[in-house]
Protein backbone atom coordinates (compact mmCIF):
# COMPACT_ATOMS: atom_id res chain seq x y z
CA MET A 1 0.00 0.00 0.00
CA TRP A 2 1.06 3.61 -0.61
CA TRP A 3 1.26 4.48 3.10
CA ARG A 4 3.61 1.56 3.70
CA ARG A 5 5.93 2.80 0.93
CA LEU A 6 5.75 6.34 2.38
CA ARG A 7 6.51 5.06 5.88
CA GLY A 8 9.51 3.16 4.49
CA ARG A 9 10.82 6.31 2.83
CA TRP A 10 10.37 8.28 6.06
CA ARG A 11 12.25 5.59 7.95
CA ALA A 12 15.13 5.66 5.43
CA THR A 13 15.26 9.48 5.58
CA ILE A 14 15.31 9.44 9.38
CA ILE A 15 18.07 6.82 9.43
CA ALA A 16 20.14 8.83 6.91
CA ALA A 17 19.64 12.04 8.87
CA ALA A 18 20.63 10.30 12.10
CA ALA A 19 23.77 8.96 10.42
CA VAL A 20 24.72 12.47 9.29
CA VAL A 21 24.19 13.80 12.82
CA ILE A 22 26.35 11.01 14.26
CA ILE A 23 29.12 11.67 11.70
CA VAL A 24 29.06 15.44 12.31
CA ALA A 25 29.05 14.91 16.08
CA GLY A 26 31.96 12.48 15.75
CA LEU A 27 33.94 14.92 13.61
CA SER A 28 33.24 17.73 16.08
CA VAL A 29 34.46 15.61 18.99
CA TRP A 30 37.58 14.63 17.01
CA ILE A 31 38.34 18.27 16.09
CA LEU A 32 37.76 19.45 19.66
CA THR A 33 40.08 16.71 20.95
CA ALA A 34 42.84 16.71 18.32
CA GLY A 35 42.68 20.50 17.96
CA ARG A 36 43.85 20.98 21.53
CA GLN A 37 47.31 19.78 20.52
CA SER A 38 50.01 22.34 19.78
CA SER A 39 53.45 21.13 18.70
CA GLU A 40 56.92 22.58 19.20
CA VAL A 41 59.05 23.32 16.13
CA THR A 42 62.55 21.85 16.38
CA GLU A 43 65.74 23.81 15.71
CA ALA A 44 66.40 21.67 12.64
CA ALA A 45 62.95 22.38 11.20
CA ALA A 46 63.34 26.09 11.90
CA LEU A 47 66.78 26.13 10.27
CA ASP A 48 65.19 24.82 7.09
CA GLN A 49 63.28 28.12 6.93
CA VAL A 50 66.39 30.32 7.11
CA GLU A 51 66.83 32.07 3.76
CA GLY A 52 70.24 32.53 2.13
CA ASP A 53 73.61 31.00 2.96
CA GLY A 54 74.08 32.72 6.30
CA LEU A 55 76.02 35.90 6.93
CA VAL A 56 76.09 38.58 4.25
CA GLU A 57 78.97 40.96 3.77
CA SER A 58 78.79 44.25 5.68
CA PRO A 59 75.21 44.04 6.97
CA ALA A 60 73.55 47.39 7.58
CA PRO A 61 72.80 48.56 11.15
CA GLY A 62 69.46 47.08 12.12
CA VAL A 63 70.07 43.72 10.41
CA PRO A 64 70.33 40.88 12.97
CA ALA A 65 72.67 37.91 12.89
CA PRO A 66 70.99 35.12 10.90
CA GLY A 67 70.11 31.76 12.40
CA VAL A 68 67.56 30.31 14.80
CA TYR A 69 66.86 31.90 18.18
CA SER A 70 65.07 29.87 20.86
CA TYR A 71 62.62 31.45 23.30
CA ALA A 72 60.91 30.17 26.43
CA GLN A 73 57.19 30.59 25.79
CA ALA A 74 54.16 30.82 28.06
CA GLY A 75 50.86 31.22 26.26
CA TRP A 76 47.69 29.88 24.74
CA GLU A 77 45.35 30.53 21.84
CA ARG A 78 41.76 29.89 20.84
CA VAL A 79 40.94 28.96 17.25
CA GLY A 80 37.42 28.85 15.86
CA ALA A 81 35.44 28.41 12.67
CA GLY A 82 31.66 28.39 12.60
CA PRO A 83 30.29 26.90 15.84
CA LEU A 84 33.57 25.23 16.84
CA ARG A 85 35.98 26.85 19.32
CA VAL A 86 39.18 25.13 20.43
CA ARG A 87 41.60 26.39 23.06
CA ARG A 88 45.14 25.05 22.96
CA GLU A 89 48.26 25.70 25.02
CA LEU A 90 51.29 26.86 23.07
CA PRO A 91 54.50 24.82 23.48
CA GLY A 92 57.04 25.85 26.10
CA THR A 93 59.64 26.70 23.45
CA ALA A 94 59.19 28.93 20.40
CA ARG A 95 61.72 29.47 17.61
CA ILE A 96 62.45 32.56 15.56
CA ALA A 97 64.38 31.98 12.34
CA VAL A 98 66.24 34.95 10.85
CA GLY A 99 67.51 34.86 7.30
CA ALA A 100 69.76 37.59 5.90
CA VAL A 101 68.59 38.25 2.32
CA SER A 102 70.89 41.18 1.53
CA PRO A 103 73.00 43.70 3.48
CA SER A 104 69.83 45.74 4.12
CA SER A 105 67.01 43.19 4.20
CA PHE A 106 66.14 40.04 6.13
CA GLU A 107 63.28 37.65 6.79
CA VAL A 108 61.98 36.59 10.18
CA THR A 109 59.80 33.50 10.74
CA ALA A 110 58.32 33.12 14.22
CA PHE A 111 57.28 29.55 15.02
CA LEU A 112 54.97 29.89 17.99
CA SER A 113 54.07 26.28 17.19
CA GLU A 114 53.76 24.03 14.16
CA GLU A 115 50.17 25.22 14.00
CA HIS A 116 50.90 28.97 14.26
CA ILE A 117 53.65 30.52 12.13
CA GLU A 118 54.20 34.21 11.41
CA GLY A 119 56.70 35.60 8.92
CA VAL A 120 57.85 39.09 7.94
CA ARG A 121 60.26 40.46 5.32
CA TYR A 122 62.06 43.55 6.65
CA GLY A 123 64.03 46.20 4.81
CA VAL A 124 66.31 48.81 6.38
CA ALA A 125 66.13 52.28 4.81
CA GLY A 126 66.13 55.88 5.98
CA GLY A 127 66.97 54.98 9.56
CA TRP A 128 64.00 52.62 9.92
CA ILE A 129 63.39 48.89 9.89
CA ARG A 130 60.27 48.55 7.71
CA GLU A 131 57.91 45.64 7.09
CA GLU A 132 57.59 44.74 3.40
CA TRP A 133 55.31 41.72 3.58
CA ARG A 134 53.70 39.66 6.31
CA ARG A 135 52.75 35.97 6.40
CA THR A 136 50.38 34.17 8.77
CA ASP A 137 49.88 30.40 8.75
CA VAL A 138 47.43 29.11 11.37
CA THR A 139 46.00 25.58 11.17
CA LEU A 140 43.50 23.50 13.13
CA VAL A 141 43.95 19.71 12.78
CA GLY A 142 45.88 20.38 9.58
CA ILE A 143 43.24 22.66 8.08
CA GLY A 144 44.04 26.30 7.51
CA ARG A 145 45.49 28.83 5.15
CA ASP A 146 49.03 30.11 4.61
CA ASP A 147 48.28 33.78 3.99
CA ARG A 148 50.92 36.23 2.72
CA ARG A 149 50.21 39.89 1.99
CA ASP A 150 52.38 42.71 0.67
CA LEU A 151 52.31 45.80 2.90
CA ARG A 152 51.91 49.09 1.02
CA PRO A 153 53.40 51.49 1.86
CA PRO A 154 55.84 49.52 4.03
CA PRO A 155 55.14 50.50 7.66
CA ARG A 156 57.88 51.42 10.11
CA ARG A 157 58.55 48.69 12.65
CA VAL A 158 61.32 50.24 14.75
CA PRO A 159 63.98 52.93 14.28
CA VAL A 160 67.56 51.73 13.81
CA ALA A 161 68.63 54.10 16.61
CA PRO A 162 65.56 54.20 18.90
CA GLU A 163 65.12 56.92 21.52
CA VAL A 164 62.88 56.84 24.58
CA GLY A 165 59.75 58.93 23.97
CA GLN A 166 59.67 58.43 20.18
CA THR A 167 56.20 57.86 18.71
CA TRP A 168 55.05 57.09 15.18
CA ARG A 169 51.90 56.12 13.32
CA ASP A 170 51.36 54.37 9.99
CA GLU A 171 48.39 53.53 7.79
CA TYR A 172 48.91 50.88 5.14
CA GLY A 173 47.26 48.11 3.20
CA ALA A 174 47.94 44.44 3.92
CA GLY A 175 46.75 43.26 0.55
CA SER A 176 43.15 44.49 0.55
CA LEU A 177 42.96 44.93 4.35
CA PRO A 178 43.35 48.43 5.83
CA VAL A 179 45.63 48.62 8.86
CA GLU A 180 46.34 51.42 11.32
CA VAL A 181 49.26 51.09 13.73
CA SER A 182 50.67 53.34 16.43
CA SER A 183 53.95 52.76 18.26
CA ARG A 184 55.90 54.40 21.04
CA ILE A 185 59.14 53.75 22.88
CA ALA A 186 58.01 53.73 26.49
CA ARG A 187 61.30 53.36 28.36
CA ALA A 188 64.78 51.91 28.49
CA ASP A 189 65.38 48.71 30.43
CA GLU A 190 67.87 45.90 30.92
CA LEU A 191 67.22 42.16 30.75
CA GLU A 192 69.50 39.26 31.57
CA VAL A 193 70.08 36.53 28.99
CA GLY A 194 72.42 33.68 29.87
CA GLY A 195 74.03 35.73 32.61
CA GLU A 196 74.64 38.74 30.33
CA ALA A 197 72.91 42.07 30.89
CA VAL A 198 71.31 43.26 27.66
CA PRO A 199 70.22 46.90 27.25
CA VAL A 200 66.79 47.16 25.61
CA VAL A 201 64.09 49.67 24.80
CA VAL A 202 60.47 48.79 25.52
CA ILE A 203 58.24 49.39 22.50
CA ARG A 204 54.43 49.37 22.64
CA VAL A 205 52.66 48.64 19.38
CA GLU A 206 48.88 48.83 18.85
CA SER A 207 47.32 47.97 15.49
CA THR A 208 43.79 47.65 14.14
CA THR A 209 42.86 45.78 10.97
CA GLY A 210 39.62 46.28 9.04
CA GLY A 211 38.02 44.55 6.07
CA ALA A 212 37.17 40.86 5.83
CA HIS A 213 39.43 39.85 8.73
CA PRO A 214 38.98 42.60 11.33
CA GLY A 215 41.01 42.47 14.49
CA THR A 216 43.38 44.05 16.96
CA ARG A 217 46.99 43.32 17.80
CA SER A 218 48.81 44.58 20.89
CA GLU A 219 52.54 44.00 21.30
CA THR A 220 55.14 44.89 23.89
CA VAL A 221 58.67 44.32 22.60
CA TRP A 222 61.82 44.49 24.70
CA TRP A 223 64.08 45.35 21.77
CA SER A 224 67.88 45.13 21.64
CA PRO A 225 69.05 47.92 19.30
CA GLU A 226 72.57 46.47 19.23
CA ARG A 227 71.46 43.01 18.11
CA ALA A 228 68.24 44.04 16.32
CA ILE A 229 66.22 41.25 17.95
CA PRO A 230 63.45 41.07 20.56
CA VAL A 231 64.77 39.83 23.91
CA ARG A 232 61.21 39.56 25.23
CA TRP A 233 58.01 39.72 23.19
CA ARG A 234 54.45 39.84 24.53
CA LEU A 235 51.64 39.38 21.99
CA GLU A 236 47.88 39.78 22.38
CA MET A 237 45.98 39.24 19.14
CA ASP A 238 42.27 38.96 18.30
CA VAL A 239 41.11 38.21 14.75
CA GLU A 240 37.47 37.89 13.70
CA GLY A 241 35.71 36.89 10.50
CA VAL A 242 34.99 33.46 8.99
CA ALA A 243 37.87 32.06 11.04
CA GLU A 244 38.60 33.46 14.50
CA LEU A 245 41.87 33.54 16.41
CA THR A 246 42.77 34.74 19.90
CA THR A 247 46.42 34.54 20.96
CA ARG A 248 48.02 35.41 24.28
CA THR A 249 51.72 34.61 24.64
CA THR A 250 55.05 35.85 26.00
CA LEU A 251 58.47 34.85 24.65
CA GLU A 252 61.78 35.14 26.55
CA LEU A 253 65.09 34.75 24.70
CA ASP A 254 67.16 31.77 25.89
CA ASP A 255 70.52 32.51 24.22
CA LEU A 256 71.98 35.56 22.48
CA SER A 257 73.87 33.39 19.97
CA PRO A 258 71.65 31.91 17.26
CA VAL A 259 72.09 28.41 15.86
CA GLN A 260 73.33 28.93 12.32
CA THR A 261 73.48 26.89 9.16
CA GLU A 262 76.82 25.38 8.21
CA GLN A 263 78.91 27.72 6.08
């Protein structure tokens, strides 16, 4: 009879719908479980990201020694897409790989974890270290996007010869995203690294991004003008949009001498 056939179709539809619900629930549980993992990047893996053959001849002031710097890290982040939100602890060690591209330019890749990588190409000109492009690669259980955007005009990151009380503002485009950033050198300080006292200036950086990926980024950088590297770096970042990211972390330099590639 027709009602028996209809009842059979309803039953098949209900079973199929229930199967979809079970699969989606299972995937959600798997993502929420596996997504809590955050992996440390090894020195060897970070060295693979160092551009060039090592030292360049007569590097300009403001260009750091190339190699891999290790930092003690204390932090966490929350990654989300749609209804899913996953919080994960960042590993206890972060790596920053510096590659000297030319006497006046270099690339920095910060490995907060295997799942969160940030890269910047810097150029030194007119007494400033400027950002030329920026890369962000954040993944959740292997899913994500390696996003690189040219910065126009290149914003000023830090003066080569910083002075306490200096302030500066920049407006630029990160690809199609508008960014406003304001920076100031709050004070001079001194930090100890491996038993050596390192003079630093403390730089506060506040930036706001609009467009499809709106967000804010607040940084405090204990910067060594002599070595052109951060000795301590505190990052608070909130990104909204289709994918969301909240990061809270602090990095402390372990050793002033980077691990370098074989010459």
